[in-house]
């Protein structure tokens, strides 16, 4: 291969991570990584090993909770405004579910 102008080098890699467009990642732990260089060409990287996919973390959707909703839940469930707000946040702003939870029914 040297006569053809090709050099091969093995890297002592611990982990290889490939980040994909959708936000997920391909992870190879304890990989075998080889860099091949040919005259006049960009280096080529070869990775071998057990691969796993990591999904991107889910983004929590922020929900606008009005003071009116907080007061309504607090009044209906007989709890403080703070407890009502927390229940609304936990239920994604669902008033009925928040009231039920606070009353012990959910």
N, C-alpha and C. Protein backbone atom coordinates (compact mmCIF):
# COMPACT_ATOMS: atom_id res chain seq x y z
N UNK A 1 0.83 -1.19 0.00
CA UNK A 1 0.00 0.00 0.00
C UNK A 1 0.87 1.25 0.00
N UNK A 2 2.06 1.17 0.63
CA UNK A 2 2.95 2.33 0.65
C UNK A 2 3.38 2.70 -0.76
N UNK A 3 3.63 1.67 -1.61
CA UNK A 3 4.03 1.95 -2.99
C UNK A 3 2.94 2.68 -3.76
N UNK A 4 1.66 2.45 -3.35
CA UNK A 4 0.54 3.12 -4.00
C UNK A 4 0.27 4.50 -3.39
N UNK A 5 1.05 4.87 -2.40
CA UNK A 5 0.85 6.17 -1.76
C UNK A 5 -0.27 6.17 -0.75
N UNK A 6 -0.57 5.01 -0.17
CA UNK A 6 -1.65 4.89 0.81
C UNK A 6 -1.05 4.59 2.18
N UNK A 7 -1.45 5.38 3.16
CA UNK A 7 -1.00 5.11 4.53
C UNK A 7 -2.23 4.82 5.40
N UNK A 8 -2.03 3.91 6.36
CA UNK A 8 -3.11 3.51 7.24
C UNK A 8 -2.64 3.72 8.68
N UNK A 9 -3.49 4.36 9.48
CA UNK A 9 -3.16 4.61 10.87
C UNK A 9 -4.36 4.23 11.74
N UNK A 10 -4.12 3.43 12.78
CA UNK A 10 -5.20 3.09 13.71
C UNK A 10 -5.16 4.07 14.87
N UNK A 11 -6.31 4.66 15.17
CA UNK A 11 -6.41 5.60 16.27
C UNK A 11 -6.83 4.86 17.54
N UNK A 12 -6.35 5.31 18.66
CA UNK A 12 -6.71 4.72 19.95
C UNK A 12 -7.92 5.48 20.51
N UNK A 13 -9.05 5.35 19.85
CA UNK A 13 -10.27 6.07 20.23
C UNK A 13 -10.99 5.34 21.35
N UNK A 14 -11.66 6.10 22.19
CA UNK A 14 -12.43 5.55 23.29
C UNK A 14 -13.91 5.51 22.93
N UNK A 15 -14.34 6.50 22.15
CA UNK A 15 -15.75 6.63 21.81
C UNK A 15 -15.90 7.49 20.55
N UNK A 16 -16.86 7.13 19.70
CA UNK A 16 -17.15 7.92 18.50
C UNK A 16 -18.63 8.29 18.55
N UNK A 17 -18.91 9.58 18.33
CA UNK A 17 -20.28 10.07 18.35
C UNK A 17 -20.57 10.75 17.02
N UNK A 18 -21.68 10.34 16.39
CA UNK A 18 -22.12 10.96 15.14
C UNK A 18 -23.45 11.64 15.43
N UNK A 19 -23.48 12.96 15.24
CA UNK A 19 -24.71 13.71 15.49
C UNK A 19 -25.49 13.82 14.18
N UNK A 20 -26.75 13.41 14.23
CA UNK A 20 -27.60 13.40 13.04
C UNK A 20 -28.47 14.65 12.98
N UNK A 21 -29.00 14.92 11.79
CA UNK A 21 -29.82 16.12 11.58
C UNK A 21 -31.03 16.20 12.48
N UNK A 22 -31.61 15.05 12.83
CA UNK A 22 -32.83 15.06 13.66
C UNK A 22 -32.53 15.25 15.15
N UNK A 23 -31.26 15.45 15.50
CA UNK A 23 -30.88 15.67 16.89
C UNK A 23 -30.47 14.40 17.61
N UNK A 24 -30.71 13.23 17.01
CA UNK A 24 -30.29 11.99 17.64
C UNK A 24 -28.80 11.78 17.38
N UNK A 25 -28.22 10.83 18.11
CA UNK A 25 -26.80 10.56 17.98
C UNK A 25 -26.55 9.06 17.86
N UNK A 26 -25.56 8.71 17.07
CA UNK A 26 -25.07 7.34 16.99
C UNK A 26 -23.79 7.29 17.82
N UNK A 27 -23.73 6.37 18.77
CA UNK A 27 -22.59 6.30 19.67
C UNK A 27 -21.95 4.92 19.55
N UNK A 28 -20.63 4.90 19.38
CA UNK A 28 -19.87 3.66 19.33
C UNK A 28 -18.86 3.73 20.48
N UNK A 29 -19.05 2.87 21.48
CA UNK A 29 -18.12 2.78 22.60
C UNK A 29 -17.01 1.79 22.24
N UNK A 30 -15.79 2.07 22.67
CA UNK A 30 -14.64 1.19 22.43
C UNK A 30 -14.53 0.81 20.94
N UNK A 31 -14.50 1.82 20.06
CA UNK A 31 -14.49 1.53 18.62
C UNK A 31 -13.10 1.18 18.09
N UNK A 32 -13.08 0.58 16.93
CA UNK A 32 -11.85 0.44 16.16
C UNK A 32 -11.93 1.53 15.10
N UNK A 33 -10.96 2.42 15.11
CA UNK A 33 -10.96 3.55 14.18
C UNK A 33 -9.67 3.54 13.37
N UNK A 34 -9.83 3.59 12.05
CA UNK A 34 -8.69 3.59 11.14
C UNK A 34 -8.81 4.80 10.21
N UNK A 35 -7.68 5.50 10.04
CA UNK A 35 -7.63 6.62 9.11
C UNK A 35 -6.77 6.16 7.93
N UNK A 36 -7.35 6.27 6.74
CA UNK A 36 -6.63 5.89 5.53
C UNK A 36 -6.39 7.16 4.71
N UNK A 37 -5.11 7.36 4.34
CA UNK A 37 -4.74 8.53 3.55
C UNK A 37 -4.16 8.06 2.22
N UNK A 38 -4.74 8.55 1.15
CA UNK A 38 -4.25 8.24 -0.19
C UNK A 38 -3.76 9.54 -0.82
N UNK A 39 -2.67 9.46 -1.54
CA UNK A 39 -2.10 10.64 -2.17
C UNK A 39 -3.14 11.39 -3.00
N UNK A 40 -3.27 12.68 -2.73
CA UNK A 40 -4.18 13.51 -3.50
C UNK A 40 -5.65 13.40 -3.10
N UNK A 41 -5.94 12.64 -2.07
CA UNK A 41 -7.33 12.46 -1.63
C UNK A 41 -7.46 12.89 -0.16
N UNK A 42 -8.66 13.32 0.22
CA UNK A 42 -8.86 13.63 1.64
C UNK A 42 -8.82 12.34 2.45
N UNK A 43 -8.41 12.40 3.72
CA UNK A 43 -8.38 11.20 4.55
C UNK A 43 -9.76 10.57 4.68
N UNK A 44 -9.79 9.24 4.77
CA UNK A 44 -11.02 8.49 4.97
C UNK A 44 -10.97 7.87 6.35
N UNK A 45 -12.07 7.99 7.07
CA UNK A 45 -12.15 7.47 8.43
C UNK A 45 -13.07 6.25 8.43
N UNK A 46 -12.60 5.15 8.98
CA UNK A 46 -13.40 3.93 9.11
C UNK A 46 -13.62 3.66 10.59
N UNK A 47 -14.87 3.43 10.97
CA UNK A 47 -15.23 3.17 12.36
C UNK A 47 -15.97 1.84 12.42
N UNK A 48 -15.55 0.98 13.35
CA UNK A 48 -16.21 -0.30 13.53
C UNK A 48 -16.46 -0.52 15.02
N UNK A 49 -17.59 -1.14 15.34
CA UNK A 49 -17.91 -1.44 16.73
C UNK A 49 -19.41 -1.49 16.93
N UNK A 50 -19.81 -1.80 18.16
CA UNK A 50 -21.24 -1.85 18.49
C UNK A 50 -21.78 -0.44 18.59
N UNK A 51 -22.84 -0.19 17.86
CA UNK A 51 -23.42 1.15 17.78
C UNK A 51 -24.77 1.16 18.49
N UNK A 52 -25.05 2.28 19.17
CA UNK A 52 -26.38 2.48 19.75
C UNK A 52 -26.85 3.88 19.37
N UNK A 53 -28.16 4.02 19.33
CA UNK A 53 -28.75 5.31 18.96
C UNK A 53 -29.28 5.99 20.21
N UNK A 54 -28.99 7.26 20.38
CA UNK A 54 -29.51 8.07 21.48
C UNK A 54 -30.47 9.09 20.88
N UNK A 55 -31.69 9.05 21.36
CA UNK A 55 -32.69 9.99 20.87
C UNK A 55 -32.46 11.36 21.51
N UNK A 56 -32.84 12.43 20.82
CA UNK A 56 -32.65 13.76 21.41
C UNK A 56 -33.56 13.93 22.61
N UNK A 57 -33.13 14.74 23.58
CA UNK A 57 -33.99 14.98 24.73
C UNK A 57 -35.26 15.70 24.30
N UNK A 58 -36.36 15.32 24.91
CA UNK A 58 -37.63 15.97 24.58
C UNK A 58 -37.68 17.36 25.20
N UNK A 59 -38.17 18.27 24.42
CA UNK A 59 -38.35 19.63 24.94
C UNK A 59 -39.74 19.73 25.53
N UNK A 60 -39.77 20.16 26.75
CA UNK A 60 -41.06 20.34 27.42
C UNK A 60 -41.75 21.56 26.81
N UNK A 61 -42.96 21.38 26.39
CA UNK A 61 -43.71 22.49 25.85
C UNK A 61 -44.13 23.40 26.99
N UNK A 62 -43.80 24.66 26.85
CA UNK A 62 -44.19 25.59 27.90
C UNK A 62 -45.64 26.01 27.67
N UNK A 63 -46.41 25.98 28.74
CA UNK A 63 -47.82 26.30 28.66
C UNK A 63 -48.05 27.59 29.42
N UNK A 64 -48.74 28.50 28.80
CA UNK A 64 -49.10 29.74 29.47
C UNK A 64 -50.27 29.46 30.41
N UNK A 65 -50.08 29.77 31.66
CA UNK A 65 -51.14 29.56 32.64
C UNK A 65 -51.56 30.92 33.17
N UNK A 66 -52.81 31.26 32.95
CA UNK A 66 -53.30 32.58 33.36
C UNK A 66 -53.61 32.61 34.86
N UNK A 67 -53.57 33.79 35.41
CA UNK A 67 -53.91 33.96 36.83
C UNK A 67 -55.36 33.58 37.07
N UNK A 68 -56.19 33.81 36.07
CA UNK A 68 -57.60 33.44 36.19
C UNK A 68 -57.76 31.93 36.36
N UNK A 69 -56.99 31.16 35.57
CA UNK A 69 -57.04 29.70 35.69
C UNK A 69 -56.54 29.25 37.05
N UNK A 70 -55.48 29.89 37.54
CA UNK A 70 -54.92 29.54 38.85
C UNK A 70 -55.97 29.79 39.93
N UNK A 71 -56.62 30.95 39.88
CA UNK A 71 -57.64 31.28 40.89
C UNK A 71 -58.81 30.30 40.82
N UNK A 72 -59.24 29.96 39.62
CA UNK A 72 -60.36 29.03 39.45
C UNK A 72 -60.03 27.66 40.06
N UNK A 73 -58.83 27.13 39.74
CA UNK A 73 -58.43 25.82 40.26
C UNK A 73 -58.30 25.88 41.78
N UNK A 74 -57.69 26.94 42.30
CA UNK A 74 -57.52 27.07 43.75
C UNK A 74 -58.87 27.10 44.45
N UNK A 75 -59.80 27.85 43.89
CA UNK A 75 -61.15 27.97 44.49
C UNK A 75 -61.90 26.64 44.43
N UNK A 76 -61.89 26.00 43.28
CA UNK A 76 -62.64 24.76 43.10
C UNK A 76 -62.05 23.60 43.92
N UNK A 77 -60.72 23.58 44.07
CA UNK A 77 -60.08 22.48 44.79
C UNK A 77 -59.85 22.79 46.26
N UNK A 78 -60.05 24.06 46.62
CA UNK A 78 -59.84 24.45 48.01
C UNK A 78 -58.38 24.41 48.43
N UNK A 79 -57.50 24.89 47.55
CA UNK A 79 -56.06 24.88 47.84
C UNK A 79 -55.48 26.28 47.64
N UNK A 80 -54.22 26.43 47.98
CA UNK A 80 -53.55 27.73 47.80
C UNK A 80 -53.29 28.00 46.32
N UNK A 81 -53.00 29.25 46.00
CA UNK A 81 -52.68 29.61 44.62
C UNK A 81 -51.42 28.89 44.14
N UNK A 82 -50.45 28.73 45.04
CA UNK A 82 -49.20 28.05 44.67
C UNK A 82 -49.48 26.59 44.30
N UNK A 83 -50.30 25.91 45.11
CA UNK A 83 -50.64 24.51 44.82
C UNK A 83 -51.40 24.41 43.51
N UNK A 84 -52.29 25.35 43.27
CA UNK A 84 -53.08 25.35 42.04
C UNK A 84 -52.18 25.55 40.83
N UNK A 85 -51.23 26.49 40.93
CA UNK A 85 -50.31 26.75 39.82
C UNK A 85 -49.47 25.51 39.53
N UNK A 86 -48.95 24.87 40.57
CA UNK A 86 -48.13 23.67 40.41
C UNK A 86 -48.93 22.56 39.73
N UNK A 87 -50.18 22.37 40.14
CA UNK A 87 -51.02 21.34 39.54
C UNK A 87 -51.28 21.65 38.06
N UNK A 88 -51.51 22.91 37.75
CA UNK A 88 -51.72 23.29 36.35
C UNK A 88 -50.47 23.06 35.51
N UNK A 89 -49.31 23.36 36.07
CA UNK A 89 -48.06 23.12 35.35
C UNK A 89 -47.86 21.63 35.11
N UNK A 90 -48.16 20.82 36.12
CA UNK A 90 -47.99 19.37 36.00
C UNK A 90 -48.95 18.74 35.00
N UNK A 91 -50.10 19.36 34.82
CA UNK A 91 -51.11 18.81 33.90
C UNK A 91 -51.11 19.51 32.54
N UNK A 92 -50.10 20.34 32.30
CA UNK A 92 -50.02 21.03 31.02
C UNK A 92 -51.12 22.04 30.82
N UNK A 93 -51.65 22.60 31.93
CA UNK A 93 -52.68 23.62 31.84
C UNK A 93 -54.11 23.08 31.81
N UNK A 94 -54.27 21.78 31.99
CA UNK A 94 -55.60 21.16 31.96
C UNK A 94 -56.30 21.43 33.30
N UNK A 95 -57.28 22.33 33.28
CA UNK A 95 -57.96 22.79 34.49
C UNK A 95 -58.69 21.64 35.19
N UNK A 96 -59.47 20.87 34.45
CA UNK A 96 -60.24 19.78 35.06
C UNK A 96 -59.32 18.74 35.69
N UNK A 97 -58.26 18.38 35.01
CA UNK A 97 -57.33 17.38 35.55
C UNK A 97 -56.63 17.92 36.79
N UNK A 98 -56.27 19.19 36.76
CA UNK A 98 -55.61 19.80 37.92
C UNK A 98 -56.52 19.77 39.14
N UNK A 99 -57.78 20.10 38.95
CA UNK A 99 -58.75 20.09 40.07
C UNK A 99 -58.91 18.68 40.59
N UNK A 100 -59.07 17.71 39.70
CA UNK A 100 -59.21 16.31 40.12
C UNK A 100 -58.00 15.83 40.92
N UNK A 101 -56.83 16.16 40.45
CA UNK A 101 -55.62 15.75 41.17
C UNK A 101 -55.58 16.34 42.56
N UNK A 102 -55.91 17.60 42.64
CA UNK A 102 -55.85 18.30 43.92
C UNK A 102 -56.91 17.79 44.89
N UNK A 103 -57.98 17.29 44.35
CA UNK A 103 -59.06 16.74 45.20
C UNK A 103 -58.81 15.27 45.51
N UNK A 104 -57.71 14.74 45.00
CA UNK A 104 -57.37 13.35 45.29
C UNK A 104 -57.98 12.36 44.33
N UNK A 105 -58.54 12.83 43.25
CA UNK A 105 -59.17 11.91 42.30
C UNK A 105 -58.33 11.62 41.08
N UNK A 106 -57.10 12.11 41.04
CA UNK A 106 -56.32 11.87 39.83
C UNK A 106 -54.93 11.51 40.04
